[in-house]
């Protein structure tokens, strides 16, 4: 079970099962010092890993990052 923050890359790699979370890159289990969020993401991933989802399935997790990070992403893309 892959927990991914890059849906487009996950689609290219096509792991057997994956869970996409719309969190900033490098934070697939949630914000620092938020054990409840981290535990929830992990618990969901483990449940899905043992389910009978078809190979190549990407499930989108509905959890949201607590602050808007789109500006940081846009700024980092301009620096490339």
N, C-alpha and C. Protein backbone atom coordinates (compact mmCIF):
# COMPACT_ATOMS: atom_id res chain seq x y z
N UNK A 1 0.84 -1.16 0.00
CA UNK A 1 0.00 0.00 0.00
C UNK A 1 0.89 1.23 0.00
N UNK A 2 0.74 2.03 -1.03
CA UNK A 2 1.48 3.29 -1.13
C UNK A 2 0.58 4.41 -0.63
N UNK A 3 1.10 5.24 0.26
CA UNK A 3 0.40 6.46 0.66
C UNK A 3 1.11 7.58 -0.08
N UNK A 4 0.40 8.21 -1.00
CA UNK A 4 1.01 9.12 -1.96
C UNK A 4 0.52 10.56 -1.82
N UNK A 5 1.43 11.50 -2.04
CA UNK A 5 1.05 12.91 -2.11
C UNK A 5 1.19 13.42 -3.54
N UNK A 6 1.49 12.54 -4.47
CA UNK A 6 1.64 12.92 -5.88
C UNK A 6 0.78 12.00 -6.75
N UNK A 7 -0.46 12.39 -6.96
CA UNK A 7 -1.38 11.51 -7.69
C UNK A 7 -0.91 11.23 -9.11
N UNK A 8 -0.39 12.24 -9.81
CA UNK A 8 0.05 12.04 -11.19
C UNK A 8 1.21 11.04 -11.26
N UNK A 9 2.14 11.12 -10.33
CA UNK A 9 3.25 10.17 -10.31
C UNK A 9 2.78 8.77 -9.95
N UNK A 10 1.83 8.69 -9.05
CA UNK A 10 1.29 7.40 -8.65
C UNK A 10 0.61 6.72 -9.84
N UNK A 11 -0.11 7.48 -10.65
CA UNK A 11 -0.75 6.92 -11.83
C UNK A 11 0.28 6.36 -12.81
N UNK A 12 1.43 7.03 -12.92
CA UNK A 12 2.48 6.55 -13.82
C UNK A 12 3.13 5.26 -13.32
N UNK A 13 3.37 5.18 -12.03
CA UNK A 13 4.03 4.02 -11.44
C UNK A 13 3.08 2.84 -11.34
N UNK A 14 1.82 3.12 -11.07
CA UNK A 14 0.76 2.10 -10.98
C UNK A 14 1.07 1.01 -9.95
N UNK A 15 1.23 1.38 -8.67
CA UNK A 15 1.44 0.36 -7.65
C UNK A 15 0.17 -0.49 -7.49
N UNK A 16 0.28 -1.67 -6.88
CA UNK A 16 -0.90 -2.53 -6.73
C UNK A 16 -2.08 -1.84 -6.05
N UNK A 17 -1.81 -1.10 -5.00
CA UNK A 17 -2.85 -0.33 -4.31
C UNK A 17 -2.21 0.94 -3.77
N UNK A 18 -2.97 2.03 -3.82
CA UNK A 18 -2.44 3.26 -3.26
C UNK A 18 -3.56 4.13 -2.74
N UNK A 19 -3.16 5.00 -1.84
CA UNK A 19 -4.07 5.96 -1.23
C UNK A 19 -3.46 7.34 -1.45
N UNK A 20 -4.19 8.21 -2.12
CA UNK A 20 -3.72 9.56 -2.36
C UNK A 20 -4.24 10.48 -1.27
N UNK A 21 -3.34 11.29 -0.72
CA UNK A 21 -3.71 12.32 0.24
C UNK A 21 -3.25 13.65 -0.31
N UNK A 22 -4.11 14.63 -0.32
CA UNK A 22 -3.76 15.94 -0.86
C UNK A 22 -3.07 16.77 0.23
N UNK A 23 -1.89 16.30 0.59
CA UNK A 23 -1.05 16.95 1.58
C UNK A 23 0.23 17.39 0.87
N UNK A 24 0.96 18.35 1.45
CA UNK A 24 2.23 18.76 0.83
C UNK A 24 3.19 17.58 0.70
N UNK A 25 3.98 17.60 -0.38
CA UNK A 25 4.96 16.55 -0.63
C UNK A 25 5.84 16.36 0.61
N UNK A 26 6.06 15.11 0.95
CA UNK A 26 6.88 14.78 2.11
C UNK A 26 6.10 14.65 3.40
N UNK A 27 4.78 14.86 3.33
CA UNK A 27 3.94 14.77 4.53
C UNK A 27 2.76 13.83 4.31
N UNK A 28 3.00 12.61 3.85
CA UNK A 28 1.87 11.75 3.49
C UNK A 28 0.97 11.34 4.66
N UNK A 29 1.48 11.44 5.87
CA UNK A 29 0.66 11.03 7.02
C UNK A 29 0.11 12.20 7.81
N UNK A 30 0.31 13.42 7.31
CA UNK A 30 -0.30 14.57 7.96
C UNK A 30 0.71 15.52 8.56
N UNK A 31 0.19 16.57 9.18
CA UNK A 31 1.05 17.60 9.76
C UNK A 31 1.86 17.08 10.95
N UNK A 32 3.01 17.69 11.19
CA UNK A 32 3.80 17.34 12.37
C UNK A 32 2.98 17.59 13.64
N UNK A 33 3.22 16.78 14.64
CA UNK A 33 2.58 16.94 15.95
C UNK A 33 1.06 16.81 15.91
N UNK A 34 0.56 16.05 14.95
CA UNK A 34 -0.88 15.79 14.84
C UNK A 34 -1.10 14.27 14.82
N UNK A 35 -0.86 13.60 15.95
CA UNK A 35 -0.93 12.13 15.95
C UNK A 35 -2.30 11.57 15.58
N UNK A 36 -3.37 12.29 15.87
CA UNK A 36 -4.70 11.78 15.52
C UNK A 36 -4.87 11.72 14.01
N UNK A 37 -4.41 12.75 13.30
CA UNK A 37 -4.49 12.75 11.84
C UNK A 37 -3.59 11.66 11.27
N UNK A 38 -2.37 11.57 11.78
CA UNK A 38 -1.41 10.58 11.30
C UNK A 38 -1.94 9.16 11.52
N UNK A 39 -2.50 8.93 12.67
CA UNK A 39 -3.06 7.60 12.98
C UNK A 39 -4.23 7.28 12.06
N UNK A 40 -5.05 8.26 11.77
CA UNK A 40 -6.20 8.06 10.89
C UNK A 40 -5.77 7.69 9.47
N UNK A 41 -4.77 8.40 8.94
CA UNK A 41 -4.27 8.10 7.59
C UNK A 41 -3.68 6.69 7.56
N UNK A 42 -2.90 6.35 8.57
CA UNK A 42 -2.29 5.02 8.64
C UNK A 42 -3.35 3.93 8.77
N UNK A 43 -4.32 4.14 9.64
CA UNK A 43 -5.38 3.14 9.85
C UNK A 43 -6.15 2.90 8.54
N UNK A 44 -6.48 3.97 7.83
CA UNK A 44 -7.19 3.83 6.57
C UNK A 44 -6.35 3.07 5.55
N UNK A 45 -5.06 3.40 5.47
CA UNK A 45 -4.17 2.71 4.53
C UNK A 45 -4.08 1.22 4.84
N UNK A 46 -3.97 0.88 6.10
CA UNK A 46 -3.88 -0.54 6.49
C UNK A 46 -5.18 -1.28 6.18
N UNK A 47 -6.31 -0.64 6.40
CA UNK A 47 -7.59 -1.26 6.08
C UNK A 47 -7.71 -1.51 4.58
N UNK A 48 -7.29 -0.54 3.80
CA UNK A 48 -7.37 -0.70 2.35
C UNK A 48 -6.35 -1.70 1.81
N UNK A 49 -5.23 -1.82 2.49
CA UNK A 49 -4.21 -2.78 2.05
C UNK A 49 -4.71 -4.21 2.15
N UNK A 50 -5.60 -4.45 3.08
CA UNK A 50 -6.12 -5.79 3.26
C UNK A 50 -7.48 -5.99 2.58
N UNK A 51 -7.94 -4.98 1.84
CA UNK A 51 -9.22 -5.11 1.15
C UNK A 51 -9.01 -5.78 -0.21
N UNK A 52 -10.09 -6.03 -0.89
CA UNK A 52 -9.98 -6.70 -2.20
C UNK A 52 -10.14 -5.70 -3.35
N UNK A 53 -9.51 -4.54 -3.22
CA UNK A 53 -9.53 -3.55 -4.30
C UNK A 53 -8.81 -4.11 -5.52
N UNK A 54 -9.27 -3.79 -6.70
CA UNK A 54 -8.57 -4.25 -7.91
C UNK A 54 -7.15 -3.66 -7.99
N UNK A 55 -6.24 -4.41 -8.59
CA UNK A 55 -4.87 -3.93 -8.75
C UNK A 55 -4.86 -2.61 -9.51
N UNK A 56 -4.01 -1.69 -9.08
CA UNK A 56 -3.89 -0.40 -9.73
C UNK A 56 -4.84 0.66 -9.21
N UNK A 57 -5.67 0.29 -8.24
CA UNK A 57 -6.64 1.24 -7.69
C UNK A 57 -5.95 2.34 -6.89
N UNK A 58 -6.37 3.57 -7.13
CA UNK A 58 -5.92 4.71 -6.32
C UNK A 58 -7.16 5.26 -5.62
N UNK A 59 -7.13 5.24 -4.29
CA UNK A 59 -8.25 5.76 -3.52
C UNK A 59 -7.86 7.13 -2.98
N UNK A 60 -8.74 8.10 -3.17
CA UNK A 60 -8.49 9.45 -2.67
C UNK A 60 -8.99 9.58 -1.24
N UNK A 61 -8.11 9.98 -0.35
CA UNK A 61 -8.48 10.23 1.04
C UNK A 61 -9.07 11.62 1.12
N UNK A 62 -10.15 11.77 1.84
CA UNK A 62 -10.86 13.04 1.90
C UNK A 62 -10.28 14.03 2.93
N UNK A 63 -9.32 13.60 3.73
CA UNK A 63 -8.74 14.49 4.74
C UNK A 63 -8.14 15.72 4.07
N UNK A 64 -8.18 16.84 4.77
CA UNK A 64 -7.62 18.08 4.23
C UNK A 64 -6.51 18.61 5.13
N UNK A 65 -5.50 19.19 4.48
CA UNK A 65 -4.42 19.84 5.22
C UNK A 65 -5.02 21.06 5.93
N UNK A 66 -4.61 21.34 7.18
CA UNK A 66 -5.27 22.40 7.94
C UNK A 66 -5.06 23.82 7.41
N UNK A 67 -4.04 24.04 6.59
CA UNK A 67 -3.81 25.38 6.04
C UNK A 67 -3.63 25.27 4.52
N UNK A 68 -3.84 26.37 3.83
CA UNK A 68 -3.69 26.39 2.38
C UNK A 68 -2.21 26.36 2.02
N UNK A 69 -1.79 25.35 1.26
CA UNK A 69 -0.38 25.24 0.88
C UNK A 69 -0.17 25.47 -0.61
N UNK A 70 -1.19 25.89 -1.34
CA UNK A 70 -1.06 26.07 -2.79
C UNK A 70 -0.07 27.17 -3.15
N UNK A 71 0.01 28.21 -2.35
CA UNK A 71 0.97 29.29 -2.63
C UNK A 71 2.41 28.78 -2.51
N UNK A 72 2.66 27.96 -1.51
CA UNK A 72 4.00 27.40 -1.35
C UNK A 72 4.37 26.50 -2.53
N UNK A 73 3.42 25.73 -3.02
CA UNK A 73 3.67 24.86 -4.16
C UNK A 73 3.97 25.72 -5.39
N UNK A 74 3.16 26.72 -5.63
CA UNK A 74 3.36 27.59 -6.80
C UNK A 74 4.73 28.27 -6.72
N UNK A 75 5.09 28.74 -5.55
CA UNK A 75 6.38 29.41 -5.37
C UNK A 75 7.54 28.44 -5.63
N UNK A 76 7.43 27.21 -5.17
CA UNK A 76 8.50 26.25 -5.37
C UNK A 76 8.61 25.86 -6.85
N UNK A 77 7.49 25.82 -7.56
CA UNK A 77 7.54 25.49 -8.99
C UNK A 77 8.20 26.61 -9.79
N UNK A 78 8.02 27.86 -9.37
CA UNK A 78 8.67 28.97 -10.06
C UNK A 78 10.18 28.96 -9.85
N UNK A 79 10.62 28.40 -8.73
CA UNK A 79 12.05 28.36 -8.44
C UNK A 79 12.78 27.31 -9.27
N UNK A 80 12.05 26.43 -9.91
CA UNK A 80 12.69 25.34 -10.68
C UNK A 80 13.28 25.85 -11.95
